[in-house]
Amino acid sequence: MSRRQMRPIPITAALTTNYPDHSDYEVMQALVTAGVVIALADGRIAAVERDALVNYLDRQGFVPTMSSHDIAEAFDSRVEQLKDRDSPEVIMKAFRPLAGLSLASVVVRTAERVAAADWQIHPAELAALKLIRLFLLTLPTKKPYAASHTL
């Protein structure tokens, strides 16, 4: 029996085609927020975590209009926002545009990459991954279904 070769779908094409209402900025904010939540979970941010996020997003082309430098700056900015105060509303605002969509799996995969970047997954990082999944599954979307579909 031969194995069927699975080719990955070019994510940038899938994002543009399936989610035209979502800007690169919204996608980047969700991805960076997920990375920062994971990086902060164990109480310290390792440079390898930031680098893993930037390199992964750049290599995958998830946000083609954003440079590596832009992504790194967004990461640093989000760290300051989440470090200075307990900010669930910042996290929810970043995740809301992608909540309930299949695109949310990209956010989770990105968070998993950051968690594994230092080759040690801390229990707090596992808890943060669960929290990210929960947010993405339960947050109401930006536009309620009934409002976006008229009869």
C-alpha atoms as a PDB file:
ATOM      1  CA  MET A   1       0.000   0.000   0.000  1.00  0.00           C
ATOM      2  CA  SER A   2       1.520   3.318  -1.006  1.00  0.00           C
ATOM      3  CA  ARG A   3       1.542   6.289   1.269  1.00  0.00           C
ATOM      4  CA  ARG A   4      -0.226   9.343   0.092  1.00  0.00           C
ATOM      5  CA  GLN A   5       2.072  12.342   0.340  1.00  0.00           C
ATOM      6  CA  MET A   6       0.433  15.250   2.119  1.00  0.00           C
ATOM      7  CA  ARG A   7       1.597  18.658   0.990  1.00  0.00           C
ATOM      8  CA  PRO A   8       1.099  21.564   3.333  1.00  0.00           C
ATOM      9  CA  ILE A   9      -1.308  24.210   2.137  1.00  0.00           C
ATOM     10  CA  PRO A  10       0.536  27.471   1.656  1.00  0.00           C
ATOM     11  CA  ILE A  11      -0.778  29.258   4.712  1.00  0.00           C
ATOM     12  CA  THR A  12      -0.554  32.769   3.323  1.00  0.00           C
ATOM     13  CA  ALA A  13      -2.723  31.802   0.358  1.00  0.00           C
ATOM     14  CA  ALA A  14      -5.176  30.053   2.668  1.00  0.00           C
ATOM     15  CA  LEU A  15      -5.329  33.072   4.967  1.00  0.00           C
ATOM     16  CA  THR A  16      -5.966  35.487   2.120  1.00  0.00           C
ATOM     17  CA  THR A  17      -8.555  33.262   0.479  1.00  0.00           C
ATOM     18  CA  ASN A  18     -10.416  32.033   3.547  1.00  0.00           C
ATOM     19  CA  TYR A  19     -10.091  35.063   5.830  1.00  0.00           C
ATOM     20  CA  PRO A  20     -10.063  38.219   3.698  1.00  0.00           C
ATOM     21  CA  ASP A  21     -11.467  40.294   6.580  1.00  0.00           C
ATOM     22  CA  HIS A  22      -8.461  39.575   8.784  1.00  0.00           C
ATOM     23  CA  SER A  23      -5.498  41.857   8.286  1.00  0.00           C
ATOM     24  CA  ASP A  24      -1.915  40.789   8.759  1.00  0.00           C
ATOM     25  CA  TYR A  25      -1.889  43.107  11.758  1.00  0.00           C
ATOM     26  CA  GLU A  26      -4.744  41.215  13.477  1.00  0.00           C
ATOM     27  CA  VAL A  27      -3.135  37.871  12.711  1.00  0.00           C
ATOM     28  CA  MET A  28       0.251  39.083  13.946  1.00  0.00           C
ATOM     29  CA  GLN A  29      -1.279  40.461  17.170  1.00  0.00           C
ATOM     30  CA  ALA A  30      -2.910  37.111  17.920  1.00  0.00           C
ATOM     31  CA  LEU A  31       0.239  35.132  17.120  1.00  0.00           C
ATOM     32  CA  VAL A  32       2.535  37.442  19.066  1.00  0.00           C
ATOM     33  CA  THR A  33       0.155  37.526  22.032  1.00  0.00           C
ATOM     34  CA  ALA A  34       0.097  33.728  22.139  1.00  0.00           C
ATOM     35  CA  GLY A  35       3.882  33.646  22.061  1.00  0.00           C
ATOM     36  CA  VAL A  36       4.206  36.209  24.825  1.00  0.00           C
ATOM     37  CA  VAL A  37       1.624  34.479  27.041  1.00  0.00           C
ATOM     38  CA  ILE A  38       3.671  31.275  26.771  1.00  0.00           C
ATOM     39  CA  ALA A  39       7.006  33.040  27.233  1.00  0.00           C
ATOM     40  CA  LEU A  40       5.766  34.793  30.382  1.00  0.00           C
ATOM     41  CA  ALA A  41       4.105  31.683  31.811  1.00  0.00           C
ATOM     42  CA  ASP A  42       7.206  30.328  33.531  1.00  0.00           C
ATOM     43  CA  GLY A  43       8.108  33.723  34.982  1.00  0.00           C
ATOM     44  CA  ARG A  44      10.943  34.618  32.640  1.00  0.00           C
ATOM     45  CA  ILE A  45      11.352  35.373  28.979  1.00  0.00           C
ATOM     46  CA  ALA A  46      14.191  33.562  27.278  1.00  0.00           C
ATOM     47  CA  ALA A  47      15.693  35.103  24.144  1.00  0.00           C
ATOM     48  CA  VAL A  48      15.286  31.729  22.453  1.00  0.00           C
ATOM     49  CA  GLU A  49      11.499  31.994  22.896  1.00  0.00           C
ATOM     50  CA  ARG A  50      11.351  35.396  21.210  1.00  0.00           C
ATOM     51  CA  ASP A  51      13.665  34.212  18.442  1.00  0.00           C
ATOM     52  CA  ALA A  52      11.607  31.054  17.927  1.00  0.00           C
ATOM     53  CA  LEU A  53       8.442  33.109  17.496  1.00  0.00           C
ATOM     54  CA  VAL A  54      10.007  35.614  15.104  1.00  0.00           C
ATOM     55  CA  ASN A  55      11.745  32.940  13.029  1.00  0.00           C
ATOM     56  CA  TYR A  56       8.671  30.702  12.885  1.00  0.00           C
ATOM     57  CA  LEU A  57       6.336  33.497  11.782  1.00  0.00           C
ATOM     58  CA  ASP A  58       8.839  34.770   9.244  1.00  0.00           C
ATOM     59  CA  ARG A  59       9.646  31.307   7.854  1.00  0.00           C
ATOM     60  CA  GLN A  60       5.984  30.298   7.596  1.00  0.00           C
ATOM     61  CA  GLY A  61       4.958  33.609   6.034  1.00  0.00           C
ATOM     62  CA  PHE A  62       1.929  33.952   8.320  1.00  0.00           C
ATOM     63  CA  VAL A  63       2.155  37.746   8.163  1.00  0.00           C
ATOM     64  CA  PRO A  64       3.810  38.504   4.828  1.00  0.00           C
ATOM     65  CA  THR A  65       3.526  42.283   5.108  1.00  0.00           C
ATOM     66  CA  MET A  66       5.388  42.320   8.433  1.00  0.00           C
ATOM     67  CA  SER A  67       9.164  42.113   8.651  1.00  0.00           C
ATOM     68  CA  SER A  68      11.063  40.121  11.259  1.00  0.00           C
ATOM     69  CA  HIS A  69      11.894  43.431  12.881  1.00  0.00           C
ATOM     70  CA  ASP A  70       8.184  44.376  13.045  1.00  0.00           C
ATOM     71  CA  ILE A  71       7.360  41.029  14.637  1.00  0.00           C
ATOM     72  CA  ALA A  72      10.173  41.382  17.190  1.00  0.00           C
ATOM     73  CA  GLU A  73       9.005  44.902  18.085  1.00  0.00           C
ATOM     74  CA  ALA A  74       5.417  43.670  18.457  1.00  0.00           C
ATOM     75  CA  PHE A  75       6.675  40.900  20.755  1.00  0.00           C
ATOM     76  CA  ASP A  76       8.617  43.337  22.939  1.00  0.00           C
ATOM     77  CA  SER A  77       5.676  45.729  23.098  1.00  0.00           C
ATOM     78  CA  ARG A  78       3.253  42.955  24.054  1.00  0.00           C
ATOM     79  CA  VAL A  79       5.650  41.744  26.763  1.00  0.00           C
ATOM     80  CA  GLU A  80       5.552  45.183  28.353  1.00  0.00           C
ATOM     81  CA  GLN A  81       1.752  45.316  28.121  1.00  0.00           C
ATOM     82  CA  LEU A  82       1.273  41.922  29.744  1.00  0.00           C
ATOM     83  CA  LYS A  83       4.120  42.209  32.239  1.00  0.00           C
ATOM     84  CA  ASP A  84       3.077  45.543  33.711  1.00  0.00           C
ATOM     85  CA  ARG A  85      -0.420  44.483  34.597  1.00  0.00           C
ATOM     86  CA  ASP A  86      -2.695  41.486  34.574  1.00  0.00           C
ATOM     87  CA  SER A  87      -4.359  42.034  31.201  1.00  0.00           C
ATOM     88  CA  PRO A  88      -6.849  39.380  30.191  1.00  0.00           C
ATOM     89  CA  GLU A  89      -8.683  42.009  28.152  1.00  0.00           C
ATOM     90  CA  VAL A  90      -5.535  42.621  26.070  1.00  0.00           C
ATOM     91  CA  ILE A  91      -5.298  38.907  25.401  1.00  0.00           C
ATOM     92  CA  MET A  92      -8.981  38.580  24.571  1.00  0.00           C
ATOM     93  CA  LYS A  93      -8.857  41.587  22.258  1.00  0.00           C
ATOM     94  CA  ALA A  94      -5.946  40.035  20.363  1.00  0.00           C
ATOM     95  CA  PHE A  95      -7.602  36.607  20.070  1.00  0.00           C
ATOM     96  CA  ARG A  96     -11.183  37.700  19.373  1.00  0.00           C
ATOM     97  CA  PRO A  97     -10.810  38.243  15.576  1.00  0.00           C
ATOM     98  CA  LEU A  98      -9.628  34.640  15.161  1.00  0.00           C
ATOM     99  CA  ALA A  99     -11.772  32.958  17.824  1.00  0.00           C
ATOM    100  CA  GLY A 100     -13.789  30.027  16.602  1.00  0.00           C
ATOM    101  CA  LEU A 101     -12.068  29.951  13.213  1.00  0.00           C
ATOM    102  CA  SER A 102      -9.804  27.221  11.878  1.00  0.00           C
ATOM    103  CA  LEU A 103      -7.157  29.926  11.776  1.00  0.00           C
ATOM    104  CA  ALA A 104      -7.055  29.630  15.568  1.00  0.00           C
ATOM    105  CA  SER A 105      -5.069  26.405  15.112  1.00  0.00           C
ATOM    106  CA  VAL A 106      -2.211  28.493  13.692  1.00  0.00           C
ATOM    107  CA  VAL A 107      -2.221  30.505  16.924  1.00  0.00           C
ATOM    108  CA  VAL A 108      -2.043  27.327  18.999  1.00  0.00           C
ATOM    109  CA  ARG A 109       0.751  25.868  16.841  1.00  0.00           C
ATOM    110  CA  THR A 110       2.718  29.078  17.233  1.00  0.00           C
ATOM    111  CA  ALA A 111       2.279  28.968  21.015  1.00  0.00           C
ATOM    112  CA  GLU A 112       3.453  25.340  21.030  1.00  0.00           C
ATOM    113  CA  ARG A 113       6.598  26.344  19.115  1.00  0.00           C
ATOM    114  CA  VAL A 114       7.402  28.996  21.686  1.00  0.00           C
ATOM    115  CA  ALA A 115       6.777  26.568  24.559  1.00  0.00           C
ATOM    116  CA  ALA A 116       9.203  24.058  23.058  1.00  0.00           C
ATOM    117  CA  ALA A 117      11.844  26.628  22.085  1.00  0.00           C
ATOM    118  CA  ASP A 118      13.971  26.152  25.206  1.00  0.00           C
ATOM    119  CA  TRP A 119      13.555  22.347  25.116  1.00  0.00           C
ATOM    120  CA  GLN A 120      11.709  22.424  28.441  1.00  0.00           C
ATOM    121  CA  ILE A 121       7.962  22.723  28.688  1.00  0.00           C
ATOM    122  CA  HIS A 122       7.177  24.139  32.093  1.00  0.00           C
ATOM    123  CA  PRO A 123       3.875  23.139  33.752  1.00  0.00           C
ATOM    124  CA  ALA A 124       2.819  26.811  33.652  1.00  0.00           C
ATOM    125  CA  GLU A 125       3.388  26.802  29.885  1.00  0.00           C
ATOM    126  CA  LEU A 126       1.105  23.781  29.558  1.00  0.00           C
ATOM    127  CA  ALA A 127      -1.535  25.626  31.569  1.00  0.00           C
ATOM    128  CA  ALA A 128      -1.089  28.696  29.339  1.00  0.00           C
ATOM    129  CA  LEU A 129      -1.526  26.526  26.218  1.00  0.00           C
ATOM    130  CA  LYS A 130      -4.808  25.226  27.643  1.00  0.00           C
ATOM    131  CA  LEU A 131      -5.899  28.779  28.393  1.00  0.00           C
ATOM    132  CA  ILE A 132      -5.095  29.900  24.831  1.00  0.00           C
ATOM    133  CA  ARG A 133      -7.114  27.005  23.400  1.00  0.00           C
ATOM    134  CA  LEU A 134      -9.994  27.856  25.725  1.00  0.00           C
ATOM    135  CA  PHE A 135      -9.953  31.526  24.704  1.00  0.00           C
ATOM    136  CA  LEU A 136      -9.922  30.649  21.024  1.00  0.00           C
ATOM    137  CA  LEU A 137     -12.798  28.194  21.389  1.00  0.00           C
ATOM    138  CA  THR A 138     -15.073  30.217  23.644  1.00  0.00           C
ATOM    139  CA  LEU A 139     -14.571  33.893  22.870  1.00  0.00           C
ATOM    140  CA  PRO A 140     -17.398  35.439  20.909  1.00  0.00           C
ATOM    141  CA  THR A 141     -16.266  36.460  17.458  1.00  0.00           C
ATOM    142  CA  LYS A 142     -15.991  40.045  16.302  1.00  0.00           C
ATOM    143  CA  LYS A 143     -19.207  39.794  14.297  1.00  0.00           C
ATOM    144  CA  PRO A 144     -21.963  37.588  15.653  1.00  0.00           C
ATOM    145  CA  TYR A 145     -23.134  34.991  13.140  1.00  0.00           C
ATOM    146  CA  ALA A 146     -26.705  36.299  13.038  1.00  0.00           C
ATOM    147  CA  ALA A 147     -25.554  39.838  12.322  1.00  0.00           C
ATOM    148  CA  SER A 148     -23.293  38.779   9.475  1.00  0.00           C
ATOM    149  CA  HIS A 149     -25.893  36.599   7.719  1.00  0.00           C
ATOM    150  CA  THR A 150     -29.219  38.104   6.866  1.00  0.00           C
ATOM    151  CA  LEU A 151     -32.211  36.205   5.571  1.00  0.00           C
END
